[in-house]
Amino acid sequence: MQKKISLLFLCTGNSCRSQMAEGWTRHLKGDLFTVYSAGIETHGLNPMAVRVMAEVGVDISGQKSQHIGDFRDVPLDLIITVCGHAHETCPFFPGTTRVIHVGFDDPPKMAQQLAGQGAGPEEQLDCYRQVRDAIKEFILSLPQGLEEMEKPE
């Protein structure tokens, strides 16, 4: 039996994108990865993220917002930053931990912009669905997709 890859998704507040990525990975690739998520800060679990994940049968309601500092002593093979701020401020992890950036749009920010343009709640929720589905496609590419990301251009 092959050793699972220890993977952490990192975002600014560990409330939405990283939580969805953790949920999808556990749901689709739990046999290949030991998966965690964390933030540079902790903002709590975004209820819209929980809702759109539940729509596709993935329950993330039991996950919690965690700080990257909580993982200092956890041996991680890979950290995937899912937002620019987290990528720019990702702390150094000694050893063989690799850091890869795969950015996804920020659903709360997208929804807020739509709300400012008069969009209703369902249109705002579509922002979360769009990002949820993009994250799913990325997770489906793992682990093979990681090799492609690491090849020099």
Protein backbone atom coordinates (compact mmCIF):
# COMPACT_ATOMS: atom_id res chain seq x y z
CA MET A 1 0.00 0.00 0.00
CA GLN A 2 1.34 3.41 -1.02
CA LYS A 3 1.85 6.15 1.57
CA LYS A 4 -0.74 8.91 1.38
CA ILE A 5 0.45 12.36 0.35
CA SER A 6 0.07 14.84 3.20
CA LEU A 7 -1.54 17.93 1.67
CA LEU A 8 -2.59 21.29 3.10
CA PHE A 9 -4.66 23.88 1.24
CA LEU A 10 -3.81 27.41 2.35
CA CYS A 11 -5.93 30.54 1.92
CA THR A 12 -6.17 33.89 3.65
CA GLY A 13 -8.96 33.13 6.13
CA ASN A 14 -9.57 29.37 5.72
CA SER A 15 -13.27 30.04 5.34
CA CYS A 16 -14.20 29.21 1.76
CA ARG A 17 -11.81 28.12 -1.05
CA SER A 18 -9.41 26.11 1.09
CA GLN A 19 -12.36 24.53 2.91
CA MET A 20 -13.98 23.50 -0.38
CA ALA A 21 -10.65 22.11 -1.61
CA GLU A 22 -10.24 20.09 1.60
CA GLY A 23 -13.78 18.74 1.29
CA TRP A 24 -13.41 17.81 -2.37
CA THR A 25 -10.05 16.12 -1.77
CA ARG A 26 -11.38 14.09 1.13
CA HIS A 27 -14.49 13.16 -0.91
CA LEU A 28 -12.79 12.36 -4.24
CA LYS A 29 -9.22 11.43 -3.39
CA GLY A 30 -9.25 10.42 0.28
CA ASP A 31 -7.49 7.19 -0.60
CA LEU A 32 -4.48 9.14 -1.94
CA PHE A 33 -4.24 12.15 0.37
CA THR A 34 -4.27 13.04 4.03
CA VAL A 35 -5.76 16.48 3.62
CA TYR A 36 -5.94 19.62 5.75
CA SER A 37 -6.76 23.27 5.22
CA ALA A 38 -5.62 26.38 7.02
CA GLY A 39 -5.41 30.14 6.71
CA ILE A 40 -2.95 32.91 7.30
CA GLU A 41 -5.82 34.11 9.54
CA THR A 42 -8.97 32.31 10.70
CA HIS A 43 -12.32 33.72 9.62
CA GLY A 44 -14.61 30.81 10.47
CA LEU A 45 -16.42 28.55 8.05
CA ASN A 46 -18.33 30.42 5.32
CA PRO A 47 -21.99 29.26 5.39
CA MET A 48 -22.36 29.74 1.63
CA ALA A 49 -19.41 27.42 1.02
CA VAL A 50 -21.03 24.83 3.28
CA ARG A 51 -24.32 25.24 1.40
CA VAL A 52 -22.94 24.85 -2.13
CA MET A 53 -20.81 21.86 -1.16
CA ALA A 54 -23.88 20.21 0.41
CA GLU A 55 -25.70 20.71 -2.90
CA VAL A 56 -23.26 18.24 -4.50
CA GLY A 57 -23.23 15.80 -1.59
CA VAL A 58 -20.04 16.93 0.15
CA ASP A 59 -20.52 17.82 3.82
CA ILE A 60 -17.91 20.28 5.08
CA SER A 61 -20.01 21.50 8.01
CA GLY A 62 -17.79 19.63 10.49
CA GLN A 63 -14.60 21.27 9.26
CA LYS A 64 -13.20 24.22 11.17
CA SER A 65 -11.16 27.27 10.32
CA GLN A 66 -7.56 26.64 11.37
CA HIS A 67 -4.41 28.77 11.45
CA ILE A 68 -1.30 27.80 9.49
CA GLY A 69 0.70 27.97 12.70
CA ASP A 70 -1.23 24.94 13.96
CA PHE A 71 0.59 22.85 11.34
CA ARG A 72 4.20 23.71 12.21
CA ASP A 73 4.78 20.22 13.61
CA VAL A 74 2.71 18.33 11.02
CA PRO A 75 4.89 16.69 8.36
CA LEU A 76 3.44 18.02 5.10
CA ASP A 77 4.46 16.84 1.66
CA LEU A 78 2.68 19.63 -0.14
CA ILE A 79 1.03 23.00 0.49
CA ILE A 80 -1.24 24.36 -2.22
CA THR A 81 -2.03 28.05 -1.88
CA VAL A 82 -5.43 28.84 -3.37
CA CYS A 83 -5.29 32.65 -3.20
CA GLY A 84 -2.63 35.22 -4.01
CA HIS A 85 -2.37 36.67 -0.51
CA ALA A 86 -1.72 33.25 1.03
CA HIS A 87 0.88 32.50 -1.64
CA GLU A 88 2.68 35.77 -0.99
CA THR A 89 2.66 35.32 2.79
CA CYS A 90 3.06 31.54 3.09
CA PRO A 91 5.50 30.83 5.91
CA PHE A 92 8.59 28.76 5.24
CA PHE A 93 8.28 25.07 6.02
CA PRO A 94 11.63 23.32 6.46
CA GLY A 95 12.42 19.99 4.90
CA THR A 96 10.86 18.61 1.77
CA THR A 97 7.51 20.43 1.89
CA ARG A 98 6.72 21.78 -1.58
CA VAL A 99 4.56 24.87 -2.05
CA ILE A 100 2.51 25.22 -5.24
CA HIS A 101 0.12 28.04 -6.11
CA VAL A 102 -3.21 27.30 -7.78
CA GLY A 103 -5.33 30.42 -7.53
CA PHE A 104 -9.12 30.46 -7.53
CA ASP A 105 -11.45 33.46 -7.58
CA ASP A 106 -12.78 34.68 -4.22
CA PRO A 107 -16.52 33.80 -4.03
CA PRO A 108 -17.44 36.26 -1.25
CA LYS A 109 -15.75 39.10 -3.12
CA MET A 110 -17.44 38.11 -6.39
CA ALA A 111 -20.84 37.87 -4.67
CA GLN A 112 -20.35 41.24 -2.98
CA GLN A 113 -19.58 42.87 -6.33
CA LEU A 114 -22.72 41.34 -7.85
CA ALA A 115 -24.80 42.48 -4.87
CA GLY A 116 -23.53 46.01 -5.47
CA GLN A 117 -24.86 45.71 -9.01
CA GLY A 118 -28.29 44.66 -7.75
CA ALA A 119 -27.91 40.87 -8.10
CA GLY A 120 -30.14 38.71 -5.93
CA PRO A 121 -29.11 35.98 -3.49
CA GLU A 122 -29.30 33.16 -6.07
CA GLU A 123 -27.01 35.00 -8.50
CA GLN A 124 -24.61 35.64 -5.65
CA LEU A 125 -24.68 31.96 -4.70
CA ASP A 126 -23.71 31.11 -8.28
CA CYS A 127 -20.31 32.68 -7.56
CA TYR A 128 -19.71 30.01 -4.93
CA ARG A 129 -20.93 27.28 -7.28
CA GLN A 130 -18.60 28.44 -10.04
CA VAL A 131 -15.54 28.31 -7.77
CA ARG A 132 -16.70 25.03 -6.18
CA ASP A 133 -16.82 23.43 -9.62
CA ALA A 134 -13.42 24.85 -10.65
CA ILE A 135 -11.87 23.44 -7.48
CA LYS A 136 -13.47 20.06 -8.17
CA GLU A 137 -11.91 19.96 -11.65
CA PHE A 138 -8.51 20.72 -10.16
CA ILE A 139 -8.88 18.03 -7.49
CA LEU A 140 -9.88 15.49 -10.15
CA SER A 141 -6.52 16.15 -11.86
CA LEU A 142 -4.55 15.12 -8.77
CA PRO A 143 -1.98 13.74 -8.23
CA GLN A 144 -0.97 13.66 -11.91
CA GLY A 145 -1.70 17.37 -12.31
CA LEU A 146 0.97 18.18 -9.72
CA GLU A 147 3.72 16.81 -11.95
CA GLU A 148 2.58 19.07 -14.80
CA MET A 149 2.64 22.14 -12.54
CA GLU A 150 6.20 21.50 -11.46
CA LYS A 151 7.70 21.18 -14.96
CA PRO A 152 9.81 24.17 -15.97
CA GLU A 153 8.27 26.31 -18.71
